[in-house]
Amino acid sequence: MPIVTVNIKEGRTLEQKRAMVAKMTDIICETMEVKPPQVRIIINEMKNENFAIAGTLICDDPSRQIKKS
């Protein structure tokens, strides 16, 4: 049973996450030769205050924040 963990920054829509897990499941089934019910995907969403690039928190750098739809 494949278990995949995906770490993303907050701000993605529910529709985007649904599309991602559907496509990931297809690829995992194809490459790992398993059935969809065997695939587990865990999405961890990080707040911008808990993620940094080059020593700067994302919440302190508006140019790196995801625009909400």
PDB file of N, CA and C in Angstrom:
ATOM      1  N   MET A   1       0.848  -1.177   0.000  1.00  0.00           N
ATOM      2  CA  MET A   1       0.000   0.000   0.000  1.00  0.00           C
ATOM      3  C   MET A   1       0.895   1.243   0.000  1.00  0.00           C
ATOM      4  N   PRO A   2       0.926   1.984  -1.124  1.00  0.00           N
ATOM      5  CA  PRO A   2       1.704   3.220  -1.157  1.00  0.00           C
ATOM      6  C   PRO A   2       1.056   4.303  -0.289  1.00  0.00           C
ATOM      7  N   ILE A   3       1.891   4.969   0.480  1.00  0.00           N
ATOM      8  CA  ILE A   3       1.451   6.109   1.280  1.00  0.00           C
ATOM      9  C   ILE A   3       2.337   7.282   0.883  1.00  0.00           C
ATOM     10  N   VAL A   4       1.710   8.333   0.373  1.00  0.00           N
ATOM     11  CA  VAL A   4       2.448   9.496  -0.118  1.00  0.00           C
ATOM     12  C   VAL A   4       2.099  10.702   0.741  1.00  0.00           C
ATOM     13  N   THR A   5       3.111  11.447   1.147  1.00  0.00           N
ATOM     14  CA  THR A   5       2.896  12.678   1.898  1.00  0.00           C
ATOM     15  C   THR A   5       3.282  13.853   1.007  1.00  0.00           C
ATOM     16  N   VAL A   6       2.375  14.821   0.914  1.00  0.00           N
ATOM     17  CA  VAL A   6       2.608  16.016   0.104  1.00  0.00           C
ATOM     18  C   VAL A   6       2.583  17.220   1.031  1.00  0.00           C
ATOM     19  N   ASN A   7       3.654  17.981   1.034  1.00  0.00           N
ATOM     20  CA  ASN A   7       3.727  19.206   1.824  1.00  0.00           C
ATOM     21  C   ASN A   7       3.517  20.391   0.885  1.00  0.00           C
ATOM     22  N   ILE A   8       2.501  21.206   1.200  1.00  0.00           N
ATOM     23  CA  ILE A   8       2.232  22.381   0.382  1.00  0.00           C
ATOM     24  C   ILE A   8       1.992  23.579   1.298  1.00  0.00           C
ATOM     25  N   LYS A   9       2.190  24.764   0.732  1.00  0.00           N
ATOM     26  CA  LYS A   9       1.850  25.979   1.467  1.00  0.00           C
ATOM     27  C   LYS A   9       0.346  26.162   1.427  1.00  0.00           C
ATOM     28  N   GLU A  10      -0.203  26.801   2.431  1.00  0.00           N
ATOM     29  CA  GLU A  10      -1.635  27.079   2.450  1.00  0.00           C
ATOM     30  C   GLU A  10      -1.999  27.967   1.270  1.00  0.00           C
ATOM     31  N   GLY A  11      -3.251  27.896   0.870  1.00  0.00           N
ATOM     32  CA  GLY A  11      -3.723  28.786  -0.184  1.00  0.00           C
ATOM     33  C   GLY A  11      -4.286  28.081  -1.400  1.00  0.00           C
ATOM     34  N   ARG A  12      -4.088  26.786  -1.510  1.00  0.00           N
ATOM     35  CA  ARG A  12      -4.653  26.049  -2.641  1.00  0.00           C
ATOM     36  C   ARG A  12      -6.129  25.795  -2.383  1.00  0.00           C
ATOM     37  N   THR A  13      -6.899  25.740  -3.449  1.00  0.00           N
ATOM     38  CA  THR A  13      -8.331  25.512  -3.304  1.00  0.00           C
ATOM     39  C   THR A  13      -8.608  24.019  -3.144  1.00  0.00           C
ATOM     40  N   LEU A  14      -9.798  23.716  -2.665  1.00  0.00           N
ATOM     41  CA  LEU A  14     -10.230  22.332  -2.540  1.00  0.00           C
ATOM     42  C   LEU A  14     -10.240  21.662  -3.918  1.00  0.00           C
ATOM     43  N   GLU A  15     -10.646  22.389  -4.941  1.00  0.00           N
ATOM     44  CA  GLU A  15     -10.669  21.841  -6.297  1.00  0.00           C
ATOM     45  C   GLU A  15      -9.266  21.485  -6.770  1.00  0.00           C
ATOM     46  N   GLN A  16      -8.277  22.314  -6.447  1.00  0.00           N
ATOM     47  CA  GLN A  16      -6.891  22.023  -6.825  1.00  0.00           C
ATOM     48  C   GLN A  16      -6.388  20.769  -6.121  1.00  0.00           C
ATOM     49  N   LYS A  17      -6.725  20.641  -4.850  1.00  0.00           N
ATOM     50  CA  LYS A  17      -6.283  19.463  -4.098  1.00  0.00           C
ATOM     51  C   LYS A  17      -6.968  18.196  -4.614  1.00  0.00           C
ATOM     52  N   ARG A  18      -8.247  18.300  -4.959  1.00  0.00           N
ATOM     53  CA  ARG A  18      -8.955  17.142  -5.533  1.00  0.00           C
ATOM     54  C   ARG A  18      -8.296  16.695  -6.835  1.00  0.00           C
ATOM     55  N   ALA A  19      -7.977  17.661  -7.696  1.00  0.00           N
ATOM     56  CA  ALA A  19      -7.336  17.338  -8.972  1.00  0.00           C
ATOM     57  C   ALA A  19      -5.962  16.703  -8.754  1.00  0.00           C
ATOM     58  N   MET A  20      -5.209  17.239  -7.805  1.00  0.00           N
ATOM     59  CA  MET A  20      -3.877  16.708  -7.527  1.00  0.00           C
ATOM     60  C   MET A  20      -3.945  15.259  -7.065  1.00  0.00           C
ATOM     61  N   VAL A  21      -4.814  14.961  -6.094  1.00  0.00           N
ATOM     62  CA  VAL A  21      -4.847  13.594  -5.567  1.00  0.00           C
ATOM     63  C   VAL A  21      -5.385  12.610  -6.605  1.00  0.00           C
ATOM     64  N   ALA A  22      -6.294  13.058  -7.469  1.00  0.00           N
ATOM     65  CA  ALA A  22      -6.798  12.174  -8.520  1.00  0.00           C
ATOM     66  C   ALA A  22      -5.681  11.797  -9.492  1.00  0.00           C
ATOM     67  N   LYS A  23      -4.926  12.794  -9.935  1.00  0.00           N
ATOM     68  CA  LYS A  23      -3.837  12.521 -10.881  1.00  0.00           C
ATOM     69  C   LYS A  23      -2.705  11.744 -10.223  1.00  0.00           C
ATOM     70  N   MET A  24      -2.383  12.083  -8.981  1.00  0.00           N
ATOM     71  CA  MET A  24      -1.335  11.345  -8.277  1.00  0.00           C
ATOM     72  C   MET A  24      -1.722   9.883  -8.113  1.00  0.00           C
ATOM     73  N   THR A  25      -2.990   9.641  -7.787  1.00  0.00           N
ATOM     74  CA  THR A  25      -3.461   8.266  -7.628  1.00  0.00           C
ATOM     75  C   THR A  25      -3.312   7.493  -8.932  1.00  0.00           C
ATOM     76  N   ASP A  26      -3.689   8.112 -10.051  1.00  0.00           N
ATOM     77  CA  ASP A  26      -3.542   7.457 -11.358  1.00  0.00           C
ATOM     78  C   ASP A  26      -2.094   7.062 -11.620  1.00  0.00           C
ATOM     79  N   ILE A  27      -1.179   7.981 -11.388  1.00  0.00           N
ATOM     80  CA  ILE A  27       0.243   7.723 -11.644  1.00  0.00           C
ATOM     81  C   ILE A  27       0.786   6.645 -10.709  1.00  0.00           C
ATOM     82  N   ILE A  28       0.415   6.723  -9.437  1.00  0.00           N
ATOM     83  CA  ILE A  28       0.886   5.726  -8.474  1.00  0.00           C
ATOM     84  C   ILE A  28       0.379   4.340  -8.853  1.00  0.00           C
ATOM     85  N   CYS A  29      -0.887   4.251  -9.238  1.00  0.00           N
ATOM     86  CA  CYS A  29      -1.444   2.955  -9.643  1.00  0.00           C
ATOM     87  C   CYS A  29      -0.708   2.405 -10.864  1.00  0.00           C
ATOM     88  N   GLU A  30      -0.445   3.268 -11.823  1.00  0.00           N
ATOM     89  CA  GLU A  30       0.246   2.854 -13.042  1.00  0.00           C
ATOM     90  C   GLU A  30       1.676   2.396 -12.762  1.00  0.00           C
ATOM     91  N   THR A  31       2.409   3.160 -11.992  1.00  0.00           N
ATOM     92  CA  THR A  31       3.829   2.858 -11.792  1.00  0.00           C
ATOM     93  C   THR A  31       4.096   1.822 -10.697  1.00  0.00           C
ATOM     94  N   MET A  32       3.215   1.727  -9.724  1.00  0.00           N
ATOM     95  CA  MET A  32       3.422   0.798  -8.609  1.00  0.00           C
ATOM     96  C   MET A  32       2.589  -0.481  -8.750  1.00  0.00           C
ATOM     97  N   GLU A  33       1.759  -0.519  -9.806  1.00  0.00           N
ATOM     98  CA  GLU A  33       0.905  -1.677 -10.087  1.00  0.00           C
ATOM     99  C   GLU A  33       0.009  -2.023  -8.896  1.00  0.00           C
ATOM    100  N   VAL A  34      -0.726  -1.010  -8.421  1.00  0.00           N
ATOM    101  CA  VAL A  34      -1.692  -1.189  -7.334  1.00  0.00           C
ATOM    102  C   VAL A  34      -3.044  -0.645  -7.790  1.00  0.00           C
ATOM    103  N   LYS A  35      -4.066  -0.964  -7.041  1.00  0.00           N
ATOM    104  CA  LYS A  35      -5.418  -0.472  -7.310  1.00  0.00           C
ATOM    105  C   LYS A  35      -5.655   0.819  -6.515  1.00  0.00           C
ATOM    106  N   PRO A  36      -6.522   1.716  -6.998  1.00  0.00           N
ATOM    107  CA  PRO A  36      -6.780   2.981  -6.296  1.00  0.00           C
ATOM    108  C   PRO A  36      -7.110   2.849  -4.805  1.00  0.00           C
ATOM    109  N   PRO A  37      -7.900   1.843  -4.380  1.00  0.00           N
ATOM    110  CA  PRO A  37      -8.188   1.755  -2.940  1.00  0.00           C
ATOM    111  C   PRO A  37      -6.959   1.506  -2.065  1.00  0.00           C
ATOM    112  N   GLN A  38      -5.863   1.109  -2.694  1.00  0.00           N
ATOM    113  CA  GLN A  38      -4.639   0.855  -1.929  1.00  0.00           C
ATOM    114  C   GLN A  38      -3.789   2.111  -1.729  1.00  0.00           C
ATOM    115  N   VAL A  39      -4.114   3.176  -2.426  1.00  0.00           N
ATOM    116  CA  VAL A  39      -3.302   4.402  -2.397  1.00  0.00           C
ATOM    117  C   VAL A  39      -3.789   5.334  -1.290  1.00  0.00           C
ATOM    118  N   ARG A  40      -2.832   5.805  -0.498  1.00  0.00           N
ATOM    119  CA  ARG A  40      -3.120   6.781   0.561  1.00  0.00           C
ATOM    120  C   ARG A  40      -2.288   8.029   0.279  1.00  0.00           C
ATOM    121  N   ILE A  41      -2.923   9.194   0.339  1.00  0.00           N
ATOM    122  CA  ILE A  41      -2.222  10.457   0.136  1.00  0.00           C
ATOM    123  C   ILE A  41      -2.551  11.371   1.310  1.00  0.00           C
ATOM    124  N   ILE A  42      -1.510  11.858   1.956  1.00  0.00           N
ATOM    125  CA  ILE A  42      -1.653  12.767   3.089  1.00  0.00           C
ATOM    126  C   ILE A  42      -1.184  14.146   2.640  1.00  0.00           C
ATOM    127  N   ILE A  43      -2.037  15.138   2.803  1.00  0.00           N
ATOM    128  CA  ILE A  43      -1.666  16.511   2.446  1.00  0.00           C
ATOM    129  C   ILE A  43      -1.422  17.299   3.727  1.00  0.00           C
ATOM    130  N   ASN A  44      -0.223  17.818   3.871  1.00  0.00           N
ATOM    131  CA  ASN A  44       0.114  18.699   4.989  1.00  0.00           C
ATOM    132  C   ASN A  44       0.189  20.120   4.443  1.00  0.00           C
ATOM    133  N   GLU A  45      -0.663  20.992   4.979  1.00  0.00           N
ATOM    134  CA  GLU A  45      -0.636  22.390   4.572  1.00  0.00           C
ATOM    135  C   GLU A  45       0.096  23.215   5.613  1.00  0.00           C
ATOM    136  N   MET A  46       1.065  23.982   5.138  1.00  0.00           N
ATOM    137  CA  MET A  46       1.837  24.828   6.031  1.00  0.00           C
ATOM    138  C   MET A  46       1.356  26.265   5.947  1.00  0.00           C
ATOM    139  N   LYS A  47       1.191  26.875   7.092  1.00  0.00           N
ATOM    140  CA  LYS A  47       0.894  28.306   7.114  1.00  0.00           C
ATOM    141  C   LYS A  47       2.151  29.050   6.681  1.00  0.00           C
ATOM    142  N   ASN A  48       1.951  30.200   6.097  1.00  0.00           N
ATOM    143  CA  ASN A  48       3.082  31.008   5.637  1.00  0.00           C
ATOM    144  C   ASN A  48       4.026  31.398   6.774  1.00  0.00           C
ATOM    145  N   GLU A  49       3.533  31.385   7.999  1.00  0.00           N
ATOM    146  CA  GLU A  49       4.398  31.706   9.137  1.00  0.00           C
ATOM    147  C   GLU A  49       5.269  30.524   9.557  1.00  0.00           C
ATOM    148  N   ASN A  50       5.038  29.367   8.946  1.00  0.00           N
ATOM    149  CA  ASN A  50       5.802  28.165   9.293  1.00  0.00           C
ATOM    150  C   ASN A  50       6.680  27.673   8.155  1.00  0.00           C
ATOM    151  N   PHE A  51       6.958  28.531   7.177  1.00  0.00           N
ATOM    152  CA  PHE A  51       7.760  28.152   6.022  1.00  0.00           C
ATOM    153  C   PHE A  51       8.648  29.327   5.647  1.00  0.00           C
ATOM    154  N   ALA A  52       9.911  29.039   5.386  1.00  0.00           N
ATOM    155  CA  ALA A  52      10.861  30.104   5.056  1.00  0.00           C
ATOM    156  C   ALA A  52      11.688  29.731   3.839  1.00  0.00           C
ATOM    157  N   ILE A  53      12.102  30.733   3.105  1.00  0.00           N
ATOM    158  CA  ILE A  53      13.030  30.576   1.992  1.00  0.00           C
ATOM    159  C   ILE A  53      14.144  31.584   2.197  1.00  0.00           C
ATOM    160  N   ALA A  54      15.369  31.127   2.157  1.00  0.00           N
ATOM    161  CA  ALA A  54      16.549  31.982   2.272  1.00  0.00           C
ATOM    162  C   ALA A  54      16.511  32.851   3.523  1.00  0.00           C
ATOM    163  N   GLY A  55      16.048  32.284   4.623  1.00  0.00           N
ATOM    164  CA  GLY A  55      16.072  32.989   5.893  1.00  0.00           C
ATOM    165  C   GLY A  55      14.936  33.960   6.127  1.00  0.00           C
ATOM    166  N   THR A  56      13.934  33.951   5.242  1.00  0.00           N
ATOM    167  CA  THR A  56      12.806  34.859   5.394  1.00  0.00           C
ATOM    168  C   THR A  56      11.511  34.061   5.419  1.00  0.00           C
ATOM    169  N   LEU A  57      10.692  34.293   6.447  1.00  0.00           N
ATOM    170  CA  LEU A  57       9.391  33.638   6.507  1.00  0.00           C
ATOM    171  C   LEU A  57       8.531  34.102   5.339  1.00  0.00           C
ATOM    172  N   ILE A  58       7.758  33.190   4.781  1.00  0.00           N
ATOM    173  CA  ILE A  58       6.899  33.538   3.657  1.00  0.00           C
ATOM    174  C   ILE A  58       5.915  34.647   4.025  1.00  0.00           C
ATOM    175  N   CYS A  59       5.437  34.637   5.254  1.00  0.00           N
ATOM    176  CA  CYS A  59       4.481  35.672   5.676  1.00  0.00           C
ATOM    177  C   CYS A  59       5.118  37.065   5.653  1.00  0.00           C
ATOM    178  N   ASP A  60       6.440  37.140   5.678  1.00  0.00           N
ATOM    179  CA  ASP A  60       7.134  38.425   5.642  1.00  0.00           C
ATOM    180  C   ASP A  60       7.554  38.835   4.230  1.00  0.00           C
ATOM    181  N   ASP A  61       7.234  38.010   3.238  1.00  0.00           N
ATOM    182  CA  ASP A  61       7.613  38.286   1.851  1.00  0.00           C
ATOM    183  C   ASP A  61       6.395  38.081   0.952  1.00  0.00           C
ATOM    184  N   PRO A  62       5.591  39.122   0.760  1.00  0.00           N
ATOM    185  CA  PRO A  62       4.356  39.006  -0.022  1.00  0.00           C
ATOM    186  C   PRO A  62       4.561  38.465  -1.434  1.00  0.00           C
ATOM    187  N   SER A  63       5.722  38.651  -2.010  1.00  0.00           N
ATOM    188  CA  SER A  63       5.957  38.182  -3.380  1.00  0.00           C
ATOM    189  C   SER A  63       5.979  36.653  -3.472  1.00  0.00           C
ATOM    190  N   ARG A  64       6.128  35.973  -2.352  1.00  0.00           N
ATOM    191  CA  ARG A  64       6.184  34.510  -2.351  1.00  0.00           C
ATOM    192  C   ARG A  64       4.874  33.853  -1.894  1.00  0.00           C
ATOM    193  N   GLN A  65       3.884  34.642  -1.558  1.00  0.00           N
ATOM    194  CA  GLN A  65       2.626  34.083  -1.081  1.00  0.00           C
ATOM    195  C   GLN A  65       1.741  33.675  -2.243  1.00  0.00           C
ATOM    196  N   ILE A  66       1.015  32.582  -2.050  1.00  0.00           N
ATOM    197  CA  ILE A  66       0.092  32.095  -3.065  1.00  0.00           C
ATOM    198  C   ILE A  66      -1.159  32.967  -3.035  1.00  0.00           C
ATOM    199  N   LYS A  67      -1.578  33.379  -4.207  1.00  0.00           N
ATOM    200  CA  LYS A  67      -2.795  34.193  -4.303  1.00  0.00           C
ATOM    201  C   LYS A  67      -3.993  33.263  -4.235  1.00  0.00           C
ATOM    202  N   LYS A  68      -4.914  33.538  -3.312  1.00  0.00           N
ATOM    203  CA  LYS A  68      -6.122  32.728  -3.177  1.00  0.00           C
ATOM    204  C   LYS A  68      -7.100  33.086  -4.280  1.00  0.00           C
ATOM    205  N   SER A  69      -7.719  32.046  -4.841  1.00  0.00           N
ATOM    206  CA  SER A  69      -8.688  32.254  -5.941  1.00  0.00           C
ATOM    207  C   SER A  69     -10.031  32.672  -5.412  1.00  0.00           C
TER     208      SER A  69
END
